[in-house]
N, C-alpha and C. Protein backbone atom coordinates (compact mmCIF):
# COMPACT_ATOMS: atom_id res chain seq x y z
N UNK A 1 -1.79 -11.36 -3.57
CA UNK A 1 -0.88 -10.49 -3.75
C UNK A 1 -0.20 -10.72 -5.11
N UNK A 2 0.20 -9.51 -5.63
CA UNK A 2 0.90 -9.54 -7.24
C UNK A 2 2.08 -9.50 -6.91
N UNK A 3 2.96 -9.70 -7.86
CA UNK A 3 4.59 -9.69 -7.72
C UNK A 3 4.88 -9.14 -9.22
N UNK A 4 5.69 -7.88 -9.52
CA UNK A 4 6.11 -7.73 -10.77
C UNK A 4 7.49 -7.24 -10.63
N UNK A 5 7.74 -7.40 -11.83
CA UNK A 5 9.26 -6.73 -12.09
C UNK A 5 9.30 -5.90 -13.48
N UNK A 6 9.89 -4.91 -13.14
CA UNK A 6 10.03 -3.65 -14.34
C UNK A 6 11.19 -3.05 -14.34
N UNK A 7 11.47 -2.25 -15.19
CA UNK A 7 12.66 -1.14 -15.21
C UNK A 7 12.16 0.31 -14.85
N UNK A 8 12.59 0.88 -14.11
CA UNK A 8 12.35 2.34 -13.58
C UNK A 8 13.14 3.31 -13.74
N UNK A 9 12.69 4.31 -14.37
CA UNK A 9 13.51 5.56 -14.50
C UNK A 9 13.19 6.53 -13.51
N UNK A 10 14.07 7.04 -12.54
CA UNK A 10 13.62 8.03 -11.30
C UNK A 10 13.85 9.30 -11.97
N UNK A 11 13.73 10.37 -11.09
CA UNK A 11 13.51 11.73 -11.46
C UNK A 11 14.62 12.26 -11.94
N UNK A 12 15.78 11.43 -11.61
CA UNK A 12 17.03 12.08 -11.99
C UNK A 12 17.97 11.39 -13.14
N UNK A 13 16.72 10.70 -13.62
CA UNK A 13 17.18 9.75 -14.91
C UNK A 13 17.98 8.40 -14.86
N UNK A 14 18.04 8.12 -13.46
CA UNK A 14 18.83 6.81 -13.12
C UNK A 14 17.80 5.51 -13.39
N UNK A 15 18.29 4.49 -14.29
CA UNK A 15 17.22 3.49 -14.76
C UNK A 15 18.12 2.27 -13.77
N UNK A 16 17.01 1.67 -13.36
CA UNK A 16 16.96 0.55 -12.31
C UNK A 16 16.38 -0.62 -12.66
N UNK A 17 16.73 -1.76 -12.37
CA UNK A 17 15.68 -3.06 -12.51
C UNK A 17 14.78 -3.08 -10.92
N UNK A 18 13.71 -3.42 -10.95
CA UNK A 18 12.98 -3.40 -9.92
C UNK A 18 12.16 -4.47 -9.54
N UNK A 19 12.12 -5.10 -8.52
CA UNK A 19 11.28 -6.25 -8.24
C UNK A 19 10.40 -5.87 -6.94
N UNK A 20 9.07 -5.83 -7.02
CA UNK A 20 8.14 -5.47 -6.04
C UNK A 20 6.98 -6.03 -5.70
N UNK A 21 6.52 -6.47 -4.80
CA UNK A 21 5.11 -7.00 -4.00
C UNK A 21 4.28 -5.66 -4.17
N UNK A 22 3.30 -5.89 -5.05
CA UNK A 22 2.51 -4.66 -5.18
C UNK A 22 1.23 -4.78 -3.81
N UNK A 23 1.32 -3.72 -3.58
CA UNK A 23 0.16 -3.39 -2.56
C UNK A 23 -0.93 -2.29 -3.31
N UNK A 24 -0.66 -1.32 -3.73
CA UNK A 24 -1.59 -0.66 -4.31
C UNK A 24 -1.34 -0.30 -6.03
N UNK A 25 -2.25 -0.55 -6.82
CA UNK A 25 -2.03 0.02 -8.40
C UNK A 25 -2.28 1.40 -8.09
N UNK A 26 -1.40 2.06 -9.44
CA UNK A 26 -2.03 3.47 -9.16
C UNK A 26 -3.29 3.63 -9.79
N UNK A 27 -3.90 4.90 -9.23
CA UNK A 27 -5.34 5.15 -9.00
C UNK A 27 -5.72 6.51 -9.35
N UNK A 28 -7.10 6.85 -9.48
CA UNK A 28 -7.60 8.28 -9.26
C UNK A 28 -8.70 8.03 -8.88
N UNK A 29 -8.91 7.17 -7.94
CA UNK A 29 -10.12 6.76 -7.00
C UNK A 29 -9.69 6.92 -5.63
N UNK A 30 -10.72 7.38 -4.71
CA UNK A 30 -10.95 7.41 -3.58
C UNK A 30 -11.41 6.23 -3.12
N UNK A 31 -11.15 5.43 -1.98
CA UNK A 31 -11.62 4.17 -1.82
C UNK A 31 -11.52 4.08 -0.30
N UNK A 32 -13.05 3.70 0.00
CA UNK A 32 -13.09 3.61 1.29
C UNK A 32 -14.44 2.93 1.79
N UNK A 33 -14.76 2.80 2.73
CA UNK A 33 -15.83 1.94 3.11
C UNK A 33 -17.05 2.99 3.43
N UNK A 34 -18.23 2.78 2.61
CA UNK A 34 -19.23 4.13 2.96
C UNK A 34 -19.94 4.02 4.25
N UNK A 35 -20.49 4.50 5.16
CA UNK A 35 -21.14 4.58 6.11
C UNK A 35 -22.02 5.05 6.34
N UNK A 36 -22.72 5.79 5.23
CA UNK A 36 -23.86 6.89 5.10
C UNK A 36 -25.32 6.12 5.59
N UNK A 37 -25.45 4.92 5.73
CA UNK A 37 -26.71 4.32 6.11
C UNK A 37 -26.65 3.73 7.37
N UNK A 38 -25.82 3.82 8.54
CA UNK A 38 -25.71 3.83 9.56
C UNK A 38 -25.94 4.90 10.62
N UNK A 39 -26.19 4.87 11.81
CA UNK A 39 -26.47 5.63 12.71
C UNK A 39 -25.04 6.48 13.05
N UNK A 40 -24.98 7.78 13.59
CA UNK A 40 -23.70 8.02 14.03
C UNK A 40 -23.26 7.39 14.96
N UNK A 41 -23.83 6.64 16.07
CA UNK A 41 -23.43 5.83 17.24
C UNK A 41 -22.71 4.86 16.52
N UNK A 42 -23.43 4.16 15.72
CA UNK A 42 -22.82 3.12 15.08
C UNK A 42 -21.70 3.12 14.26
N UNK A 43 -21.59 4.25 13.51
CA UNK A 43 -20.39 4.66 12.63
C UNK A 43 -19.03 4.78 13.81
N UNK A 44 -19.34 5.72 14.81
CA UNK A 44 -18.19 5.86 15.82
C UNK A 44 -17.47 4.32 16.25
N UNK A 45 -18.66 3.62 16.80
CA UNK A 45 -18.12 2.56 17.08
C UNK A 45 -17.09 1.59 16.09
N UNK A 46 -18.17 1.52 14.96
CA UNK A 46 -17.16 0.72 13.71
C UNK A 46 -16.06 1.38 13.35
N UNK A 47 -16.03 2.66 13.40
CA UNK A 47 -14.68 3.39 13.02
C UNK A 47 -13.76 3.14 13.99
N UNK A 48 -14.16 3.11 15.41
CA UNK A 48 -12.99 2.63 16.68
C UNK A 48 -12.21 1.43 16.43
N UNK A 49 -13.60 0.52 16.37
CA UNK A 49 -13.18 -1.07 16.00
C UNK A 49 -12.04 -1.38 14.95
N UNK A 50 -12.67 -0.57 13.70
CA UNK A 50 -11.91 -0.77 12.87
C UNK A 50 -10.62 -0.25 12.62
N UNK A 51 -10.18 1.11 13.18
CA UNK A 51 -8.94 1.43 13.44
C UNK A 51 -8.22 0.61 14.47
N UNK A 52 -9.13 0.00 15.55
CA UNK A 52 -7.97 -1.13 16.21
C UNK A 52 -7.69 -2.14 15.48
N UNK A 53 -8.81 -2.76 14.74
CA UNK A 53 -8.31 -4.08 13.95
C UNK A 53 -7.15 -3.31 12.92
N UNK A 54 -7.18 -2.30 12.21
CA UNK A 54 -6.02 -1.85 11.43
C UNK A 54 -4.90 -1.82 11.80
N UNK A 55 -4.82 -1.17 13.04
CA UNK A 55 -3.48 -0.99 13.71
C UNK A 55 -2.72 -2.39 14.18
N UNK A 56 -3.61 -3.33 14.65
CA UNK A 56 -3.34 -4.54 14.81
C UNK A 56 -2.45 -5.20 13.58
N UNK A 57 -2.93 -5.35 12.16
CA UNK A 57 -2.82 -5.48 11.12
C UNK A 57 -1.48 -4.53 10.77
N UNK A 58 -1.21 -3.40 10.76
CA UNK A 58 -0.21 -2.82 10.60
C UNK A 58 0.90 -3.18 11.63
N UNK A 59 0.74 -3.48 12.84
CA UNK A 59 1.89 -3.82 13.72
C UNK A 59 2.68 -5.26 13.23
N UNK A 60 1.21 -6.14 13.12
CA UNK A 60 1.72 -7.47 12.26
C UNK A 60 2.66 -7.47 11.04
N UNK A 61 2.18 -6.42 10.13
CA UNK A 61 3.06 -6.16 8.88
C UNK A 61 4.27 -5.95 9.18
N UNK A 62 4.16 -4.60 10.13
CA UNK A 62 5.91 -4.06 10.38
C UNK A 62 6.43 -5.03 11.14
N UNK A 63 6.09 -6.27 11.88
CA UNK A 63 6.98 -7.29 12.63
C UNK A 63 7.57 -8.17 11.54
N UNK A 64 6.51 -8.32 10.62
CA UNK A 64 6.85 -9.49 9.34
C UNK A 64 8.17 -8.65 8.76
N UNK A 65 7.81 -7.41 8.49
CA UNK A 65 9.14 -6.81 7.48
C UNK A 65 10.25 -6.80 8.08
N UNK A 66 10.36 -6.51 9.71
CA UNK A 66 11.22 -6.74 10.59
C UNK A 66 12.11 -8.12 10.61
N UNK A 67 11.32 -8.91 10.33
CA UNK A 67 11.77 -10.31 10.52
C UNK A 67 12.71 -10.29 8.87
N UNK A 68 12.33 -10.01 7.90
CA UNK A 68 12.91 -10.18 6.61
C UNK A 68 13.49 -8.82 6.46
N UNK A 69 13.88 -8.09 7.04
CA UNK A 69 14.43 -6.95 7.03
C UNK A 69 14.37 -5.99 6.02
N UNK A 70 13.03 -5.73 5.94
CA UNK A 70 12.15 -4.90 4.99
C UNK A 70 11.73 -3.71 5.61
N UNK A 71 12.06 -3.33 6.74
CA UNK A 71 11.45 -2.02 7.60
C UNK A 71 11.47 -0.87 6.61
N UNK A 72 12.33 -0.93 5.94
CA UNK A 72 12.24 0.57 5.24
C UNK A 72 12.36 0.33 3.62
N UNK A 73 11.08 -0.52 3.18
CA UNK A 73 11.57 -0.46 1.95
C UNK A 73 10.10 -0.28 0.95
N UNK A 74 9.41 0.06 2.06
CA UNK A 74 8.21 0.72 1.17
C UNK A 74 8.57 1.85 0.06
N UNK A 75 8.00 1.74 -1.25
CA UNK A 75 8.35 2.72 -2.31
C UNK A 75 7.27 2.87 -3.10
N UNK A 76 7.31 4.09 -3.55
CA UNK A 76 6.46 4.65 -4.29
C UNK A 76 6.91 4.79 -6.00
N UNK A 77 6.40 4.28 -6.87
CA UNK A 77 6.59 4.33 -8.46
C UNK A 77 5.74 5.15 -9.16
N UNK A 78 6.22 6.05 -10.03
CA UNK A 78 5.48 6.89 -10.88
C UNK A 78 5.01 5.92 -12.09
N UNK A 79 4.13 5.66 -12.31
CA UNK A 79 3.40 4.84 -13.27
C UNK A 79 4.15 5.05 -14.72
N UNK A 80 4.15 6.38 -14.82
CA UNK A 80 4.54 6.77 -16.51
C UNK A 80 6.24 6.24 -16.75
N UNK A 81 6.83 6.37 -15.27
CA UNK A 81 8.16 6.06 -15.28
C UNK A 81 8.47 4.48 -15.28
N UNK A 82 7.39 3.24 -15.37
CA UNK A 82 7.64 2.02 -15.33
C UNK A 82 7.44 1.62 -16.90
N UNK A 83 8.76 0.92 -17.39
CA UNK A 83 8.55 0.11 -18.48
C UNK A 83 8.81 -1.33 -18.29
N UNK A 84 8.75 -2.21 -19.22
CA UNK A 84 8.98 -3.54 -19.23
C UNK A 84 8.47 -4.17 -18.64
N UNK A 85 7.23 -4.07 -17.78
CA UNK A 85 6.65 -4.35 -16.46
C UNK A 85 6.01 -5.91 -16.89
N UNK A 86 6.49 -6.82 -16.09
CA UNK A 86 5.94 -8.29 -16.23
C UNK A 86 5.49 -8.99 -15.00
């Protein structure tokens, strides 16, 4: 994972210094696992297994965030409002 620091200007014009562990970069792309080439039954099975694994991951991340008192720290930053990024 990438760590970054930057100056951010919010919608009200307030300027703050931010330190962020980057989860996703700004993008105009849809990201997904293409399942066009497998049978519908396999697709359903895969989707169920994937959803279960993903939920386990989310639960583990939420527990970790709780351990560090970061449960309510997920933020979105508008790319054009980010300056001086390192």
